[in-house]
Protein backbone atom coordinates (compact mmCIF):
# COMPACT_ATOMS: atom_id res chain seq x y z
CA MET A 1 -10.84 13.08 -9.23
CA LEU A 2 -7.25 12.00 -8.90
CA PHE A 3 -6.62 8.42 -7.31
CA HIS A 4 -4.52 9.86 -4.52
CA GLU A 5 -7.06 12.66 -3.89
CA THR A 6 -9.94 9.52 -3.00
CA LEU A 7 -7.02 7.79 -1.07
CA ALA A 8 -6.48 10.79 1.13
CA LEU A 9 -10.30 10.47 2.30
CA ILE A 10 -9.68 7.11 4.16
CA GLU A 11 -9.25 7.90 7.68
CA ASN A 12 -7.42 6.37 10.70
CA ASP A 13 -9.26 4.45 13.52
CA LYS A 14 -12.25 3.64 11.54
CA ASN A 15 -13.74 0.06 11.49
CA ASN A 16 -16.59 1.47 9.06
CA GLN A 17 -16.00 4.23 6.61
CA THR A 18 -18.00 5.50 3.57
CA ILE A 19 -16.39 7.27 0.88
CA LYS A 20 -17.40 8.29 -2.81
CA LEU A 21 -16.29 6.27 -5.79
CA PRO A 22 -14.94 8.84 -8.36
CA GLU A 23 -16.09 9.03 -11.65
CA GLY A 24 -13.61 9.00 -14.67
CA TRP A 25 -12.47 5.23 -13.60
CA ALA A 26 -15.03 3.02 -15.39
CA GLN A 27 -13.84 -0.47 -16.49
CA GLY A 28 -16.51 -1.27 -19.30
CA ARG A 29 -19.81 -0.63 -17.00
CA ALA A 30 -18.36 -0.95 -13.65
CA PHE A 31 -15.72 0.92 -11.36
CA PHE A 32 -11.85 -0.13 -12.25
CA GLY A 33 -11.04 -3.09 -9.84
CA GLY A 34 -7.69 -2.02 -9.25
CA PHE A 35 -8.86 1.18 -7.57
CA SER A 36 -11.43 -0.70 -5.39
CA ALA A 37 -8.38 -2.77 -4.26
CA ALA A 38 -6.06 -0.24 -3.87
CA LEU A 39 -8.73 1.34 -1.42
CA ALA A 40 -9.17 -1.74 0.14
CA ALA A 41 -5.35 -2.21 1.03
CA GLN A 42 -5.14 1.78 1.92
CA PHE A 43 -7.77 1.68 4.32
CA LEU A 44 -5.83 -1.64 6.05
CA LEU A 45 -2.90 0.18 6.37
CA ARG A 46 -4.55 3.25 7.87
CA GLN A 47 -6.06 1.29 10.78
CA PHE A 48 -2.46 -0.52 12.11
CA PRO A 49 0.47 0.91 13.03
CA GLY A 50 2.98 1.49 10.36
CA ASP A 51 5.36 -1.33 11.07
CA TYR A 52 2.57 -3.96 9.69
CA HIS A 53 3.96 -4.58 6.27
CA LEU A 54 1.20 -5.83 3.79
CA ARG A 55 2.56 -9.01 3.17
CA SER A 56 -0.40 -10.51 1.04
CA LEU A 57 -3.84 -9.67 -0.06
CA ALA A 58 -6.07 -11.93 -1.85
CA ILE A 59 -9.16 -10.74 -3.40
CA SER A 60 -12.25 -11.81 -4.98
CA PHE A 61 -14.57 -9.18 -7.19
CA VAL A 62 -17.62 -10.50 -6.20
CA ALA A 63 -19.78 -7.84 -8.13
CA PRO A 64 -19.16 -4.93 -9.98
CA ALA A 65 -19.22 -1.60 -8.05
CA THR A 66 -20.20 1.80 -9.55
CA PRO A 67 -18.87 5.39 -8.81
CA GLY A 68 -20.64 6.69 -5.90
CA ASP A 69 -21.07 5.81 -2.08
CA ALA A 70 -19.08 3.04 -0.88
CA THR A 71 -18.58 1.26 2.56
CA LEU A 72 -15.16 -0.11 3.94
CA SER A 73 -15.14 -2.20 6.83
CA TYR A 74 -12.63 -4.82 8.32
CA ARG A 75 -12.45 -7.56 10.87
CA VAL A 76 -9.26 -8.83 12.58
CA LEU A 77 -9.46 -12.69 12.34
CA ARG A 78 -6.07 -13.28 14.24
CA GLN A 79 -3.47 -11.20 15.97
CA GLY A 80 -0.36 -12.82 16.70
CA SER A 81 2.75 -11.58 18.08
CA SER A 82 3.97 -10.44 14.34
CA VAL A 83 1.17 -10.94 11.96
CA LEU A 84 -1.98 -9.90 11.56
CA GLN A 85 -4.95 -11.87 9.77
CA VAL A 86 -7.71 -9.32 8.58
CA SER A 87 -10.67 -9.70 6.39
CA VAL A 88 -12.17 -6.48 4.58
CA GLU A 89 -14.82 -5.48 2.47
CA ILE A 90 -16.20 -3.21 0.34
CA THR A 91 -20.15 -3.02 0.28
CA GLN A 92 -22.80 -0.95 -1.99
CA ASN A 93 -26.46 -0.78 -0.87
CA ASP A 94 -25.57 -3.58 1.47
CA GLU A 95 -24.11 -5.92 -1.37
CA VAL A 96 -20.60 -6.84 -1.31
CA MET A 97 -18.42 -5.80 -4.14
CA LEU A 98 -15.35 -6.67 -2.92
CA ALA A 99 -14.22 -9.33 -0.28
CA GLY A 100 -10.63 -9.61 0.48
CA LEU A 101 -8.19 -11.55 3.27
CA ALA A 102 -4.93 -9.47 4.01
CA SER A 103 -2.06 -10.80 6.19
CA LEU A 104 0.12 -7.94 7.31
CA GLY A 105 3.12 -8.77 9.12
CA LYS A 106 6.23 -6.69 11.41
CA GLY A 107 9.81 -7.45 9.85
CA ARG A 108 11.84 -9.65 12.30
CA SER A 109 15.81 -10.84 12.36
CA SER A 110 16.11 -13.87 9.87
CA SER A 111 19.28 -16.12 8.61
CA VAL A 112 17.49 -16.48 5.16
CA SER A 113 17.83 -13.41 2.52
CA VAL A 114 17.14 -14.56 -0.87
CA SER A 115 16.92 -11.17 -3.59
CA GLY A 116 13.87 -10.59 -5.52
CA GLU A 117 13.56 -12.31 -9.05
CA THR A 118 14.94 -10.21 -11.86
CA PRO A 119 12.86 -8.38 -14.51
CA PRO A 120 12.35 -10.57 -17.82
CA ASP A 121 13.63 -8.14 -20.93
CA LEU A 122 11.02 -5.89 -21.48
CA LYS A 123 13.31 -3.80 -23.66
CA THR A 124 12.92 0.08 -23.37
CA ILE A 125 9.93 2.33 -23.03
CA ASN A 126 10.66 3.62 -26.72
CA ASP A 127 10.72 0.21 -28.30
CA GLY A 128 6.60 -0.40 -27.58
CA PRO A 129 3.40 1.35 -28.69
CA GLY A 130 1.00 2.54 -25.94
CA LEU A 131 -2.56 2.06 -25.91
CA PRO A 132 -4.66 3.68 -29.06
CA GLU A 133 -6.75 6.35 -28.43
CA ALA A 134 -9.89 4.42 -29.17
CA ASP A 135 -13.49 3.93 -27.65
CA ILE A 136 -12.28 0.16 -27.24
CA VAL A 137 -10.06 1.11 -24.62
CA PRO A 138 -11.47 1.87 -20.64
CA GLU A 139 -11.93 5.06 -19.44
CA PHE A 140 -9.60 4.27 -16.58
CA ALA A 141 -7.02 3.18 -18.90
CA LYS A 142 -6.63 6.82 -19.69
CA ASN A 143 -5.31 7.27 -16.30
CA PHE A 144 -2.05 5.59 -17.20
CA ASP A 145 0.77 5.41 -19.95
CA TYR A 146 1.59 2.21 -21.38
CA ARG A 147 4.39 0.75 -23.57
CA ILE A 148 3.50 -2.72 -24.81
CA THR A 149 6.93 -4.58 -25.30
CA SER A 150 5.92 -8.32 -24.53
CA GLY A 151 3.32 -9.86 -26.51
CA GLY A 152 0.99 -8.07 -28.88
CA MET A 153 -1.68 -5.29 -28.76
CA PRO A 154 -5.15 -6.69 -26.86
CA PHE A 155 -7.56 -7.94 -30.01
CA SER A 156 -4.31 -8.30 -32.27
CA GLY A 157 -4.92 -12.24 -32.73
CA GLN A 158 -1.20 -12.67 -31.79
CA PRO A 159 -1.25 -15.86 -29.17
CA GLY A 160 1.62 -16.15 -26.79
CA ARG A 161 1.82 -16.65 -23.07
CA THR A 162 3.60 -13.42 -22.26
CA PHE A 163 2.09 -9.74 -22.38
CA GLY A 164 3.52 -6.70 -20.68
CA GLY A 165 5.97 -4.03 -21.00
CA TRP A 166 6.15 -0.62 -19.07
CA ILE A 167 3.45 1.58 -17.26
CA ARG A 168 3.21 4.83 -15.07
CA PHE A 169 0.38 6.84 -13.90
CA ARG A 170 -0.25 9.84 -16.37
CA LYS A 171 -1.50 12.47 -14.32
CA GLU A 172 -0.06 11.73 -10.88
CA GLN A 173 3.17 13.03 -9.14
CA GLN A 174 3.07 11.52 -5.53
CA GLU A 175 5.13 9.00 -3.76
CA LEU A 176 4.37 5.51 -4.57
CA THR A 177 2.42 3.68 -2.13
CA THR A 178 1.02 -0.04 -1.97
CA ALA A 179 -2.05 1.05 -2.91
CA ALA A 180 -0.61 2.73 -6.12
CA VAL A 181 1.45 -0.47 -6.62
CA LEU A 182 -2.04 -2.08 -6.87
CA ALA A 183 -3.46 -0.14 -9.34
CA LEU A 184 -0.16 -0.44 -11.71
CA VAL A 185 -0.56 -3.97 -11.82
CA ASP A 186 -4.31 -4.31 -12.35
CA ALA A 187 -4.44 -1.64 -14.86
CA TRP A 188 -3.16 -4.47 -17.45
CA PRO A 189 -5.82 -6.32 -19.10
CA PRO A 190 -6.02 -9.97 -18.64
CA ALA A 191 -3.14 -11.42 -20.47
CA VAL A 192 -5.27 -13.45 -23.00
CA LEU A 193 -6.78 -10.31 -24.53
CA PRO A 194 -3.97 -10.31 -27.78
CA HIS A 195 -5.15 -13.87 -28.53
CA LEU A 196 -8.40 -12.46 -29.77
CA ASN A 197 -9.07 -11.41 -33.24
CA SER A 198 -11.92 -8.83 -32.12
CA PRO A 199 -13.13 -7.09 -28.60
CA ALA A 200 -14.77 -9.27 -25.90
CA PRO A 201 -15.39 -8.63 -22.48
CA ALA A 202 -12.61 -10.03 -19.92
CA SER A 203 -12.24 -9.30 -16.17
CA SER A 204 -10.44 -10.69 -12.95
CA LEU A 205 -12.17 -13.27 -11.05
CA THR A 206 -9.71 -13.89 -8.26
CA TRP A 207 -6.29 -12.10 -7.52
CA THR A 208 -3.84 -12.59 -5.22
CA ILE A 209 -0.74 -10.00 -4.95
CA GLU A 210 1.86 -9.72 -2.13
CA PHE A 211 4.44 -7.51 -1.52
CA PRO A 212 8.19 -7.63 -0.71
CA ASP A 213 9.09 -5.16 2.21
CA LEU A 214 10.81 -2.78 0.31
CA PRO A 215 10.79 1.24 1.01
CA LEU A 216 8.53 2.97 -1.68
CA ASP A 217 9.43 6.50 -1.18
CA GLU A 218 12.08 6.28 -3.33
CA PHE A 219 9.80 5.89 -6.29
CA ASN A 220 7.25 8.25 -7.65
CA THR A 221 3.77 7.48 -9.28
CA ASN A 222 5.11 9.08 -12.63
CA ASP A 223 8.31 6.81 -13.11
CA TRP A 224 7.87 4.06 -15.41
CA PHE A 225 7.52 0.59 -13.96
CA GLN A 226 7.94 -2.62 -15.72
CA TYR A 227 5.27 -5.26 -15.68
CA GLU A 228 4.60 -8.85 -17.52
CA ALA A 229 2.31 -11.59 -16.97
CA PHE A 230 2.65 -15.18 -17.81
CA ILE A 231 -0.24 -17.33 -18.82
CA GLU A 232 -0.21 -20.70 -17.18
CA HIS A 233 -3.57 -22.16 -18.37
CA ALA A 234 -6.28 -20.66 -20.04
CA GLU A 235 -9.48 -22.84 -21.67
CA HIS A 236 -13.56 -22.84 -21.66
CA GLY A 237 -13.62 -19.36 -20.73
CA TYR A 238 -11.30 -19.10 -17.72
CA GLY A 239 -7.85 -18.46 -17.28
CA HIS A 240 -4.72 -18.32 -14.76
CA SER A 241 -1.97 -16.18 -14.95
CA ARG A 242 1.11 -14.78 -12.85
CA ALA A 243 3.00 -11.65 -13.24
CA GLY A 244 5.48 -8.99 -11.35
CA LEU A 245 6.11 -5.40 -11.43
CA TRP A 246 9.69 -4.29 -10.87
CA SER A 247 11.07 -0.54 -10.54
CA GLU A 248 12.81 0.80 -13.76
CA GLU A 249 16.23 -0.44 -12.10
CA GLY A 250 14.87 -3.84 -11.71
CA LYS A 251 13.67 -4.03 -8.13
CA LEU A 252 10.69 -6.42 -7.31
CA LEU A 253 7.98 -4.33 -5.94
CA ALA A 254 4.98 -7.07 -6.65
CA ILE A 255 4.17 -10.98 -7.18
CA SER A 256 0.89 -11.35 -8.67
CA ARG A 257 -1.41 -14.34 -9.61
CA GLN A 258 -4.93 -13.78 -11.21
CA SER A 259 -8.03 -16.10 -12.23
CA PHE A 260 -9.80 -14.26 -14.83
CA THR A 261 -12.85 -14.78 -17.18
CA VAL A 262 -12.79 -13.99 -21.01
CA PHE A 263 -16.09 -14.36 -22.82
CA ALA A 264 -14.70 -15.39 -26.30
């Protein structure tokens, strides 16, 4: 099932809803975390008026989800005049797979206006390779096109602090949404993988992502987007990185921070 087809199953005015996580999006033995996060975000955005923009989503990947029935639920922690603080969970078999804390806020007039940070020089789509057609590439990644133009290929033994390039959905031709932005950001593996000389497991532990209040309807999921992560620290099997996602024209669409584990 395509990404947008699953998102379309989410209903309005549902404090608790069960949907089916589709096959074809495996990340090792688990379900792709970026898809789980996207479902949580879409679920929240369907429950509140459209003028509540998702400003920030902090996620903990508590346990690996699997394809099949999963239950989405939320709880309003506080509602102010313009900001909502909401918790969200995805559970399977009465166990929490994903827990999140979201801040949704209405726009308001302000004397402060600072444009988003511009992207680094990621060269062009023609300047980097895609991921190889190999068994080591996770199943979910085959739903995306990549061009790696910053840092090395995963497991190539090329240490550096940056990793990224260009990305788009391979089979989707839909209007870009906040949920799709989440998937595009998390589709990139942890930025330390090029440091390794051979394959080893690595995964996100916690993830905080923030969304500038920009209209997304001018973009398509099949457009190319720019992404780069910067490793701030990595040691003892854990690491910390920050990243950004930009449109091809250089508009900042997401600001991301992740802590991750690596078993090598």
